[in-house]
Amino acid sequence: MNLATQICNEAQRLPEPLAREVLDFIGYIAVKHKLNTFNIEHLKQAQVPTMQNIWDNVEDEVWNEL
């Protein structure tokens, strides 16, 4: 039996809240070791044109001084 199958079998024995913790931990490990294949930089850039009117306005200009 391979390691992934062993992990799956052990996770299936856990109550739902603990299984969620295991899943969260796996996500943490993936982020820590930069294993995520999903890159959100393109999503950040996509919002710029829409948010530009909100970010740059006369009423909020005072906040740019900080």
C-alpha atoms as a PDB file:
ATOM      1  CA  MET A   1       0.000   0.000   0.000  1.00  0.00           C
ATOM      2  CA  ASN A   2       1.456   3.381  -0.967  1.00  0.00           C
ATOM      3  CA  LEU A   3       1.693   6.351   1.377  1.00  0.00           C
ATOM      4  CA  ALA A   4      -1.144   8.335  -0.217  1.00  0.00           C
ATOM      5  CA  THR A   5      -3.494   5.377   0.249  1.00  0.00           C
ATOM      6  CA  GLN A   6      -2.423   5.025   3.877  1.00  0.00           C
ATOM      7  CA  ILE A   7      -3.107   8.715   4.495  1.00  0.00           C
ATOM      8  CA  CYS A   8      -6.502   8.397   2.824  1.00  0.00           C
ATOM      9  CA  ASN A   9      -7.412   5.357   4.896  1.00  0.00           C
ATOM     10  CA  GLU A  10      -6.434   7.070   8.133  1.00  0.00           C
ATOM     11  CA  ALA A  11      -8.324  10.252   7.193  1.00  0.00           C
ATOM     12  CA  GLN A  12     -11.476   8.248   6.475  1.00  0.00           C
ATOM     13  CA  ARG A  13     -11.487   6.971  10.055  1.00  0.00           C
ATOM     14  CA  LEU A  14     -11.534  10.503  11.483  1.00  0.00           C
ATOM     15  CA  PRO A  15     -14.662  12.438  12.429  1.00  0.00           C
ATOM     16  CA  GLU A  16     -15.514  15.194   9.935  1.00  0.00           C
ATOM     17  CA  PRO A  17     -14.036  18.128  11.937  1.00  0.00           C
ATOM     18  CA  LEU A  18     -10.699  16.340  12.355  1.00  0.00           C
ATOM     19  CA  ALA A  19     -10.639  15.305   8.705  1.00  0.00           C
ATOM     20  CA  ARG A  20     -11.067  18.998   7.809  1.00  0.00           C
ATOM     21  CA  GLU A  21      -8.057  19.827   9.980  1.00  0.00           C
ATOM     22  CA  VAL A  22      -6.015  17.236   8.118  1.00  0.00           C
ATOM     23  CA  LEU A  23      -7.113  18.712   4.795  1.00  0.00           C
ATOM     24  CA  ASP A  24      -6.222  22.224   5.991  1.00  0.00           C
ATOM     25  CA  PHE A  25      -2.810  20.960   7.084  1.00  0.00           C
ATOM     26  CA  ILE A  26      -2.203  19.401   3.679  1.00  0.00           C
ATOM     27  CA  GLY A  27      -3.055  22.767   2.124  1.00  0.00           C
ATOM     28  CA  TYR A  28      -0.647  24.490   4.504  1.00  0.00           C
ATOM     29  CA  ILE A  29       2.134  22.084   3.550  1.00  0.00           C
ATOM     30  CA  ALA A  30       1.451  22.704  -0.149  1.00  0.00           C
ATOM     31  CA  VAL A  31       1.688  26.473   0.333  1.00  0.00           C
ATOM     32  CA  LYS A  32       4.759  26.224   2.569  1.00  0.00           C
ATOM     33  CA  HIS A  33       6.625  24.210  -0.049  1.00  0.00           C
ATOM     34  CA  LYS A  34       5.200  26.205  -2.964  1.00  0.00           C
ATOM     35  CA  LEU A  35       3.485  23.167  -4.462  1.00  0.00           C
ATOM     36  CA  ASN A  36       0.333  25.047  -5.406  1.00  0.00           C
ATOM     37  CA  THR A  37      -0.222  25.117  -9.127  1.00  0.00           C
ATOM     38  CA  PHE A  38      -2.932  27.771  -8.836  1.00  0.00           C
ATOM     39  CA  ASN A  39      -1.503  31.249  -9.310  1.00  0.00           C
ATOM     40  CA  ILE A  40      -3.728  34.202  -8.420  1.00  0.00           C
ATOM     41  CA  GLU A  41      -1.475  36.939  -9.778  1.00  0.00           C
ATOM     42  CA  HIS A  42      -3.483  37.075 -13.003  1.00  0.00           C
ATOM     43  CA  LEU A  43      -6.648  37.525 -10.927  1.00  0.00           C
ATOM     44  CA  LYS A  44      -5.078  40.406  -8.993  1.00  0.00           C
ATOM     45  CA  GLN A  45      -4.143  42.116 -12.240  1.00  0.00           C
ATOM     46  CA  ALA A  46      -7.615  41.566 -13.679  1.00  0.00           C
ATOM     47  CA  GLN A  47      -9.203  43.583 -10.876  1.00  0.00           C
ATOM     48  CA  VAL A  48      -7.022  46.667 -11.390  1.00  0.00           C
ATOM     49  CA  PRO A  49      -9.078  48.323 -14.163  1.00  0.00           C
ATOM     50  CA  THR A  50     -12.315  47.828 -12.234  1.00  0.00           C
ATOM     51  CA  MET A  51     -10.935  48.981  -8.897  1.00  0.00           C
ATOM     52  CA  GLN A  52      -9.024  51.961 -10.310  1.00  0.00           C
ATOM     53  CA  ASN A  53     -12.064  54.257  -9.951  1.00  0.00           C
ATOM     54  CA  ILE A  54     -12.449  53.217  -6.340  1.00  0.00           C
ATOM     55  CA  TRP A  55      -8.761  53.528  -5.470  1.00  0.00           C
ATOM     56  CA  ASP A  56      -8.203  56.873  -7.194  1.00  0.00           C
ATOM     57  CA  ASN A  57     -10.793  59.464  -6.252  1.00  0.00           C
ATOM     58  CA  VAL A  58     -10.715  63.022  -4.930  1.00  0.00           C
ATOM     59  CA  GLU A  59     -12.570  62.217  -1.698  1.00  0.00           C
ATOM     60  CA  ASP A  60      -9.939  59.710  -0.604  1.00  0.00           C
ATOM     61  CA  GLU A  61      -6.896  61.674  -1.756  1.00  0.00           C
ATOM     62  CA  VAL A  62      -6.080  62.545   1.868  1.00  0.00           C
ATOM     63  CA  TRP A  63      -5.258  58.869   2.524  1.00  0.00           C
ATOM     64  CA  ASN A  64      -2.508  58.962  -0.077  1.00  0.00           C
ATOM     65  CA  GLU A  65      -0.471  61.222   2.221  1.00  0.00           C
ATOM     66  CA  LEU A  66      -0.060  58.455   4.821  1.00  0.00           C
END
